[in-house]
Amino acid sequence: MIKKTTIKQQGRIPFLLELVLTLSQLLVVFVAIAVALASLLSGQDLWRLVLQVSIAVLTIGFLVWLFNRMVFQGMLDATIDKLKEQAEKEMEEAAEAARLAAEEAARQAEEAARLAAEAQKELEEEDEEEHSDILDTELQL
């Protein structure tokens, strides 16, 4: 159940962007309606009304597009910076984990070398004892 809502939320744009887009669309529509009403009330011909509304919609639309582009670019840059910081943090954590693993491996290798040296020393002592026992037996004969 949680995974389904998470997947749905990942496909949606952030609230700020939705708000900006909605307000932009409403602004363009209201400006078009206001220009059309002003032209009608002033007694303009139909072709002038269409021309004025078209120019108003194109002008306001271009300005709104520039504003939306700046907002989107700012949000995108912020998201990219956040992801870069997160990736750097994960890389630092991985490097620290690798360093700790290398230290642990070195410690284990040193311990194994120490145990091997002790085992070798014990074997040499046992061999010396056997040789001394053999020599004592031969000397007694």
N, C-alpha and C. Protein backbone atom coordinates (compact mmCIF):
# COMPACT_ATOMS: atom_id res chain seq x y z
N MET A 1 0.82 -1.19 0.00
CA MET A 1 0.00 0.00 0.00
C MET A 1 0.87 1.25 0.00
N ILE A 2 1.92 1.24 0.79
CA ILE A 2 2.80 2.41 0.87
C ILE A 2 3.56 2.59 -0.44
N LYS A 3 3.98 1.49 -1.05
CA LYS A 3 4.74 1.58 -2.29
C LYS A 3 3.91 2.20 -3.41
N LYS A 4 2.61 1.90 -3.44
CA LYS A 4 1.76 2.45 -4.49
C LYS A 4 1.66 3.97 -4.38
N THR A 5 1.49 4.48 -3.17
CA THR A 5 1.40 5.93 -3.01
C THR A 5 2.74 6.59 -3.29
N THR A 6 3.82 5.92 -2.93
CA THR A 6 5.14 6.48 -3.19
C THR A 6 5.39 6.58 -4.69
N ILE A 7 5.00 5.56 -5.43
CA ILE A 7 5.18 5.58 -6.88
C ILE A 7 4.33 6.68 -7.50
N LYS A 8 3.10 6.85 -7.02
CA LYS A 8 2.25 7.92 -7.55
C LYS A 8 2.85 9.28 -7.27
N GLN A 9 3.39 9.49 -6.08
CA GLN A 9 3.94 10.78 -5.72
C GLN A 9 5.20 11.09 -6.49
N GLN A 10 5.97 10.08 -6.87
CA GLN A 10 7.19 10.32 -7.61
C GLN A 10 6.90 10.86 -9.00
N GLY A 11 5.76 10.54 -9.59
CA GLY A 11 5.42 10.99 -10.92
C GLY A 11 4.86 12.40 -10.96
N ARG A 12 4.57 12.99 -9.81
CA ARG A 12 3.98 14.32 -9.75
C ARG A 12 5.06 15.37 -9.62
N ILE A 13 4.75 16.56 -10.16
CA ILE A 13 5.70 17.66 -10.01
C ILE A 13 5.48 18.31 -8.65
N PRO A 14 6.47 19.01 -8.14
CA PRO A 14 6.34 19.65 -6.82
C PRO A 14 5.20 20.67 -6.79
N PHE A 15 4.70 20.91 -5.60
CA PHE A 15 3.56 21.79 -5.42
C PHE A 15 3.83 23.20 -5.94
N LEU A 16 5.03 23.73 -5.68
CA LEU A 16 5.38 25.08 -6.14
C LEU A 16 5.26 25.19 -7.66
N LEU A 17 5.72 24.19 -8.36
CA LEU A 17 5.65 24.24 -9.82
C LEU A 17 4.21 24.13 -10.30
N GLU A 18 3.42 23.29 -9.67
CA GLU A 18 2.01 23.20 -10.03
C GLU A 18 1.31 24.54 -9.81
N LEU A 19 1.61 25.17 -8.69
CA LEU A 19 1.01 26.45 -8.37
C LEU A 19 1.40 27.52 -9.40
N VAL A 20 2.67 27.57 -9.73
CA VAL A 20 3.15 28.56 -10.70
C VAL A 20 2.49 28.35 -12.06
N LEU A 21 2.43 27.09 -12.49
CA LEU A 21 1.81 26.81 -13.80
C LEU A 21 0.33 27.17 -13.80
N THR A 22 -0.36 26.82 -12.74
CA THR A 22 -1.79 27.12 -12.66
C THR A 22 -2.05 28.62 -12.66
N LEU A 23 -1.29 29.34 -11.84
CA LEU A 23 -1.46 30.80 -11.79
C LEU A 23 -1.10 31.45 -13.13
N SER A 24 -0.11 30.91 -13.79
CA SER A 24 0.27 31.44 -15.10
C SER A 24 -0.85 31.26 -16.12
N GLN A 25 -1.42 30.08 -16.13
CA GLN A 25 -2.52 29.83 -17.07
C GLN A 25 -3.72 30.72 -16.76
N LEU A 26 -4.02 30.85 -15.48
CA LEU A 26 -5.14 31.72 -15.10
C LEU A 26 -4.87 33.17 -15.49
N LEU A 27 -3.64 33.64 -15.30
CA LEU A 27 -3.28 35.00 -15.66
C LEU A 27 -3.48 35.24 -17.15
N VAL A 28 -3.02 34.33 -17.97
CA VAL A 28 -3.18 34.49 -19.43
C VAL A 28 -4.66 34.52 -19.81
N VAL A 29 -5.44 33.63 -19.22
CA VAL A 29 -6.88 33.58 -19.54
C VAL A 29 -7.58 34.86 -19.09
N PHE A 30 -7.27 35.30 -17.86
CA PHE A 30 -7.93 36.51 -17.36
C PHE A 30 -7.52 37.76 -18.14
N VAL A 31 -6.27 37.84 -18.55
CA VAL A 31 -5.84 38.97 -19.37
C VAL A 31 -6.57 38.95 -20.71
N ALA A 32 -6.70 37.77 -21.30
CA ALA A 32 -7.42 37.67 -22.58
C ALA A 32 -8.87 38.11 -22.41
N ILE A 33 -9.50 37.66 -21.32
CA ILE A 33 -10.90 38.05 -21.08
C ILE A 33 -11.01 39.55 -20.83
N ALA A 34 -10.09 40.10 -20.05
CA ALA A 34 -10.12 41.53 -19.75
C ALA A 34 -9.93 42.37 -21.01
N VAL A 35 -9.00 41.99 -21.85
CA VAL A 35 -8.77 42.74 -23.09
C VAL A 35 -9.97 42.62 -24.01
N ALA A 36 -10.55 41.43 -24.08
CA ALA A 36 -11.73 41.24 -24.93
C ALA A 36 -12.90 42.09 -24.43
N LEU A 37 -13.13 42.11 -23.11
CA LEU A 37 -14.21 42.91 -22.55
C LEU A 37 -13.97 44.41 -22.77
N ALA A 38 -12.72 44.82 -22.56
CA ALA A 38 -12.40 46.24 -22.76
C ALA A 38 -12.60 46.64 -24.22
N SER A 39 -12.23 45.77 -25.14
CA SER A 39 -12.41 46.06 -26.56
C SER A 39 -13.89 46.10 -26.93
N LEU A 40 -14.66 45.15 -26.38
CA LEU A 40 -16.10 45.13 -26.67
C LEU A 40 -16.79 46.37 -26.10
N LEU A 41 -16.45 46.73 -24.86
CA LEU A 41 -17.09 47.88 -24.24
C LEU A 41 -16.71 49.21 -24.91
N SER A 42 -15.53 49.24 -25.51
CA SER A 42 -15.12 50.47 -26.20
C SER A 42 -15.67 50.54 -27.63
N GLY A 43 -16.34 49.48 -28.06
CA GLY A 43 -16.97 49.48 -29.38
C GLY A 43 -16.02 49.17 -30.53
N GLN A 44 -14.99 48.42 -30.29
CA GLN A 44 -14.03 48.05 -31.34
C GLN A 44 -14.64 47.04 -32.29
N ASP A 45 -14.13 47.05 -33.52
CA ASP A 45 -14.55 46.05 -34.50
C ASP A 45 -14.05 44.66 -34.07
N LEU A 46 -14.67 43.63 -34.65
CA LEU A 46 -14.31 42.25 -34.29
C LEU A 46 -12.86 41.94 -34.64
N TRP A 47 -12.41 42.39 -35.80
CA TRP A 47 -11.04 42.07 -36.20
C TRP A 47 -10.01 42.75 -35.28
N ARG A 48 -10.35 43.98 -34.78
CA ARG A 48 -9.45 44.67 -33.84
C ARG A 48 -9.47 43.96 -32.49
N LEU A 49 -10.64 43.48 -32.10
CA LEU A 49 -10.76 42.74 -30.85
C LEU A 49 -9.88 41.49 -30.90
N VAL A 50 -9.96 40.73 -31.98
CA VAL A 50 -9.16 39.51 -32.13
C VAL A 50 -7.68 39.86 -32.14
N LEU A 51 -7.31 40.94 -32.84
CA LEU A 51 -5.92 41.36 -32.91
C LEU A 51 -5.40 41.77 -31.52
N GLN A 52 -6.18 42.55 -30.80
CA GLN A 52 -5.75 43.00 -29.47
C GLN A 52 -5.63 41.83 -28.49
N VAL A 53 -6.61 40.94 -28.52
CA VAL A 53 -6.56 39.77 -27.64
C VAL A 53 -5.37 38.88 -28.00
N SER A 54 -5.12 38.70 -29.29
CA SER A 54 -3.99 37.88 -29.72
C SER A 54 -2.67 38.47 -29.26
N ILE A 55 -2.51 39.77 -29.45
CA ILE A 55 -1.26 40.43 -29.02
C ILE A 55 -1.11 40.34 -27.50
N ALA A 56 -2.20 40.54 -26.76
CA ALA A 56 -2.14 40.47 -25.29
C ALA A 56 -1.78 39.07 -24.84
N VAL A 57 -2.41 38.06 -25.44
CA VAL A 57 -2.14 36.68 -25.05
C VAL A 57 -0.70 36.31 -25.38
N LEU A 58 -0.22 36.69 -26.56
CA LEU A 58 1.16 36.38 -26.93
C LEU A 58 2.17 37.08 -26.02
N THR A 59 1.91 38.34 -25.71
CA THR A 59 2.83 39.10 -24.86
C THR A 59 2.85 38.54 -23.44
N ILE A 60 1.68 38.40 -22.85
CA ILE A 60 1.61 37.86 -21.49
C ILE A 60 2.10 36.42 -21.46
N GLY A 61 1.76 35.66 -22.49
CA GLY A 61 2.22 34.27 -22.56
C GLY A 61 3.73 34.17 -22.60
N PHE A 62 4.38 35.07 -23.36
CA PHE A 62 5.83 35.06 -23.42
C PHE A 62 6.44 35.44 -22.07
N LEU A 63 5.89 36.45 -21.42
CA LEU A 63 6.39 36.86 -20.10
C LEU A 63 6.21 35.75 -19.06
N VAL A 64 5.05 35.12 -19.11
CA VAL A 64 4.77 34.02 -18.18
C VAL A 64 5.71 32.85 -18.46
N TRP A 65 5.95 32.58 -19.74
CA TRP A 65 6.87 31.50 -20.11
C TRP A 65 8.27 31.77 -19.55
N LEU A 66 8.75 33.01 -19.67
CA LEU A 66 10.06 33.36 -19.11
C LEU A 66 10.09 33.17 -17.60
N PHE A 67 9.05 33.63 -16.92
CA PHE A 67 8.97 33.47 -15.47
C PHE A 67 8.96 31.99 -15.08
N ASN A 68 8.13 31.20 -15.79
CA ASN A 68 8.06 29.76 -15.49
C ASN A 68 9.40 29.08 -15.73
N ARG A 69 10.08 29.49 -16.79
CA ARG A 69 11.38 28.90 -17.11
C ARG A 69 12.37 29.19 -15.99
N MET A 70 12.38 30.41 -15.46
CA MET A 70 13.28 30.74 -14.36
C MET A 70 12.96 29.92 -13.12
N VAL A 71 11.68 29.77 -12.82
CA VAL A 71 11.28 28.99 -11.64
C VAL A 71 11.67 27.53 -11.82
N PHE A 72 11.39 26.96 -13.00
CA PHE A 72 11.73 25.57 -13.26
C PHE A 72 13.24 25.37 -13.20
N GLN A 73 14.01 26.29 -13.78
CA GLN A 73 15.46 26.16 -13.78
C GLN A 73 16.00 26.24 -12.35
N GLY A 74 15.44 27.13 -11.56
CA GLY A 74 15.86 27.23 -10.16
C GLY A 74 15.58 25.95 -9.39
N MET A 75 14.40 25.39 -9.59
CA MET A 75 14.04 24.14 -8.91
C MET A 75 14.94 23.00 -9.40
N LEU A 76 15.21 22.97 -10.69
CA LEU A 76 16.06 21.92 -11.26
C LEU A 76 17.49 22.03 -10.71
N ASP A 77 18.02 23.25 -10.67
CA ASP A 77 19.37 23.45 -10.13
C ASP A 77 19.44 23.04 -8.67
N ALA A 78 18.42 23.40 -7.90
CA ALA A 78 18.40 23.02 -6.48
C ALA A 78 18.34 21.51 -6.32
N THR A 79 17.55 20.84 -7.15
CA THR A 79 17.45 19.39 -7.08
C THR A 79 18.76 18.73 -7.48
N ILE A 80 19.40 19.26 -8.52
CA ILE A 80 20.69 18.70 -8.96
C ILE A 80 21.74 18.87 -7.86
N ASP A 81 21.79 20.05 -7.25
CA ASP A 81 22.74 20.28 -6.17
C ASP A 81 22.49 19.33 -5.00
N LYS A 82 21.22 19.13 -4.67
CA LYS A 82 20.87 18.24 -3.58
C LYS A 82 21.31 16.80 -3.90
N LEU A 83 21.07 16.37 -5.13
CA LEU A 83 21.47 15.01 -5.52
C LEU A 83 22.99 14.85 -5.55
N LYS A 84 23.70 15.91 -5.98
CA LYS A 84 25.17 15.84 -5.97
C LYS A 84 25.70 15.72 -4.55
N GLU A 85 25.14 16.51 -3.65
CA GLU A 85 25.56 16.43 -2.24
C GLU A 85 25.28 15.05 -1.67
N GLN A 86 24.13 14.51 -2.01
CA GLN A 86 23.77 13.18 -1.52
C GLN A 86 24.73 12.13 -2.09
N ALA A 87 25.07 12.25 -3.37
CA ALA A 87 25.99 11.30 -3.98
C ALA A 87 27.39 11.41 -3.36
N GLU A 88 27.84 12.65 -3.10
CA GLU A 88 29.14 12.83 -2.46
C GLU A 88 29.15 12.23 -1.07
N LYS A 89 28.06 12.41 -0.34
CA LYS A 89 27.96 11.85 1.00
C LYS A 89 28.00 10.32 0.95
N GLU A 90 27.29 9.75 -0.01
CA GLU A 90 27.28 8.28 -0.14
C GLU A 90 28.68 7.78 -0.53
N MET A 91 29.38 8.53 -1.39
CA MET A 91 30.73 8.12 -1.78
C MET A 91 31.68 8.20 -0.59
N GLU A 92 31.55 9.24 0.23
CA GLU A 92 32.38 9.35 1.43
C GLU A 92 32.10 8.20 2.39
N GLU A 93 30.83 7.86 2.54
CA GLU A 93 30.47 6.75 3.42
C GLU A 93 31.03 5.43 2.89
N ALA A 94 30.97 5.25 1.56
CA ALA A 94 31.50 4.02 0.96
C ALA A 94 33.02 3.97 1.12
N ALA A 95 33.69 5.11 0.95
CA ALA A 95 35.14 5.15 1.13
C ALA A 95 35.51 4.83 2.57
N GLU A 96 34.75 5.37 3.51
CA GLU A 96 35.01 5.09 4.93
C GLU A 96 34.79 3.61 5.23
N ALA A 97 33.73 3.03 4.65
CA ALA A 97 33.47 1.61 4.86
C ALA A 97 34.58 0.77 4.24
N ALA A 98 35.08 1.16 3.08
CA ALA A 98 36.18 0.43 2.44
C ALA A 98 37.45 0.54 3.27
N ARG A 99 37.71 1.73 3.82
CA ARG A 99 38.89 1.92 4.66
C ARG A 99 38.82 1.04 5.91
N LEU A 100 37.62 1.02 6.53
CA LEU A 100 37.45 0.18 7.72
C LEU A 100 37.60 -1.31 7.38
N ALA A 101 37.08 -1.71 6.23
CA ALA A 101 37.20 -3.10 5.81
C ALA A 101 38.67 -3.45 5.55
N ALA A 102 39.42 -2.53 4.94
CA ALA A 102 40.84 -2.76 4.68
C ALA A 102 41.62 -2.86 5.99
N GLU A 103 41.29 -1.99 6.94
CA GLU A 103 41.95 -2.06 8.25
C GLU A 103 41.65 -3.38 8.94
N GLU A 104 40.41 -3.82 8.87
CA GLU A 104 40.02 -5.09 9.48
C GLU A 104 40.74 -6.25 8.81
N ALA A 105 40.84 -6.21 7.48
CA ALA A 105 41.54 -7.27 6.76
C ALA A 105 43.02 -7.28 7.14
N ALA A 106 43.62 -6.11 7.26
CA ALA A 106 45.03 -6.04 7.66
C ALA A 106 45.23 -6.58 9.07
N ARG A 107 44.30 -6.23 9.96
CA ARG A 107 44.38 -6.74 11.32
C ARG A 107 44.26 -8.26 11.35
N GLN A 108 43.33 -8.79 10.57
CA GLN A 108 43.16 -10.24 10.52
C GLN A 108 44.38 -10.92 9.92
N ALA A 109 44.98 -10.27 8.90
CA ALA A 109 46.18 -10.84 8.29
C ALA A 109 47.33 -10.85 9.29
N GLU A 110 47.48 -9.78 10.06
CA GLU A 110 48.52 -9.74 11.09
C GLU A 110 48.29 -10.82 12.14
N GLU A 111 47.05 -10.98 12.54
CA GLU A 111 46.71 -12.02 13.54
C GLU A 111 47.02 -13.40 12.98
N ALA A 112 46.68 -13.64 11.73
CA ALA A 112 46.96 -14.93 11.11
C ALA A 112 48.46 -15.17 11.01
N ALA A 113 49.22 -14.12 10.66
CA ALA A 113 50.68 -14.26 10.58
C ALA A 113 51.26 -14.54 11.96
N ARG A 114 50.75 -13.90 12.99
CA ARG A 114 51.23 -14.13 14.34
C ARG A 114 50.93 -15.56 14.78
N LEU A 115 49.70 -16.03 14.48
CA LEU A 115 49.35 -17.41 14.85
C LEU A 115 50.18 -18.42 14.08
N ALA A 116 50.47 -18.13 12.81
CA ALA A 116 51.30 -19.04 12.01
C ALA A 116 52.72 -19.08 12.56
N ALA A 117 53.24 -17.92 12.98
CA ALA A 117 54.59 -17.88 13.55
C ALA A 117 54.64 -18.67 14.85
N GLU A 118 53.60 -18.53 15.68
CA GLU A 118 53.56 -19.29 16.93
C GLU A 118 53.48 -20.79 16.67
N ALA A 119 52.65 -21.16 15.67
CA ALA A 119 52.53 -22.57 15.33
C ALA A 119 53.86 -23.10 14.81
N GLN A 120 54.54 -22.31 13.99
CA GLN A 120 55.84 -22.72 13.46
C GLN A 120 56.85 -22.89 14.60
N LYS A 121 56.82 -21.96 15.55
CA LYS A 121 57.73 -22.03 16.68
C LYS A 121 57.47 -23.28 17.51
N GLU A 122 56.19 -23.60 17.72
CA GLU A 122 55.84 -24.80 18.48
C GLU A 122 56.31 -26.05 17.75
N LEU A 123 56.13 -26.07 16.42
CA LEU A 123 56.59 -27.23 15.65
C LEU A 123 58.10 -27.38 15.75
N GLU A 124 58.82 -26.27 15.67
CA GLU A 124 60.28 -26.33 15.77
C GLU A 124 60.70 -26.82 17.15
N GLU A 125 60.00 -26.39 18.19
CA GLU A 125 60.32 -26.85 19.54
C GLU A 125 60.06 -28.34 19.68
N GLU A 126 58.93 -28.80 19.09
CA GLU A 126 58.63 -30.23 19.15
C GLU A 126 59.68 -31.03 18.38
N ASP A 127 60.11 -30.50 17.23
CA ASP A 127 61.13 -31.19 16.45
C ASP A 127 62.44 -31.24 17.23
N GLU A 128 62.78 -30.15 17.93
CA GLU A 128 63.99 -30.13 18.73
C GLU A 128 63.91 -31.16 19.85
N GLU A 129 62.74 -31.25 20.47
CA GLU A 129 62.57 -32.23 21.54
C GLU A 129 62.70 -33.64 21.01
N GLU A 130 62.12 -33.90 19.83
CA GLU A 130 62.23 -35.24 19.23
C GLU A 130 63.67 -35.55 18.90
N HIS A 131 64.38 -34.55 18.33
CA HIS A 131 65.78 -34.77 17.98
C HIS A 131 66.62 -34.99 19.23
N SER A 132 66.32 -34.23 20.28
CA SER A 132 67.09 -34.43 21.51
C SER A 132 66.76 -35.78 22.13
N ASP A 133 65.50 -36.23 22.04
CA ASP A 133 65.12 -37.55 22.56
C ASP A 133 65.83 -38.64 21.76
N ILE A 134 65.88 -38.46 20.45
CA ILE A 134 66.54 -39.45 19.59
C ILE A 134 68.03 -39.48 19.91
N LEU A 135 68.63 -38.31 20.10
CA LEU A 135 70.05 -38.25 20.41
C LEU A 135 70.32 -38.87 21.79
N ASP A 136 69.43 -38.62 22.74
CA ASP A 136 69.61 -39.22 24.06
C ASP A 136 69.51 -40.73 23.99
N THR A 137 68.57 -41.22 23.19
CA THR A 137 68.40 -42.66 23.04
C THR A 137 69.63 -43.27 22.36
N GLU A 138 70.14 -42.61 21.37
CA GLU A 138 71.32 -43.13 20.67
C GLU A 138 72.53 -43.09 21.57
N LEU A 139 72.61 -42.06 22.38
CA LEU A 139 73.76 -41.96 23.30
C LEU A 139 73.69 -43.04 24.37
N GLN A 140 72.51 -43.40 24.78
CA GLN A 140 72.35 -44.43 25.79
C GLN A 140 72.71 -45.79 25.22
N LEU A 141 72.57 -45.98 23.96
CA LEU A 141 72.88 -47.25 23.34
C LEU A 141 74.34 -47.35 23.19
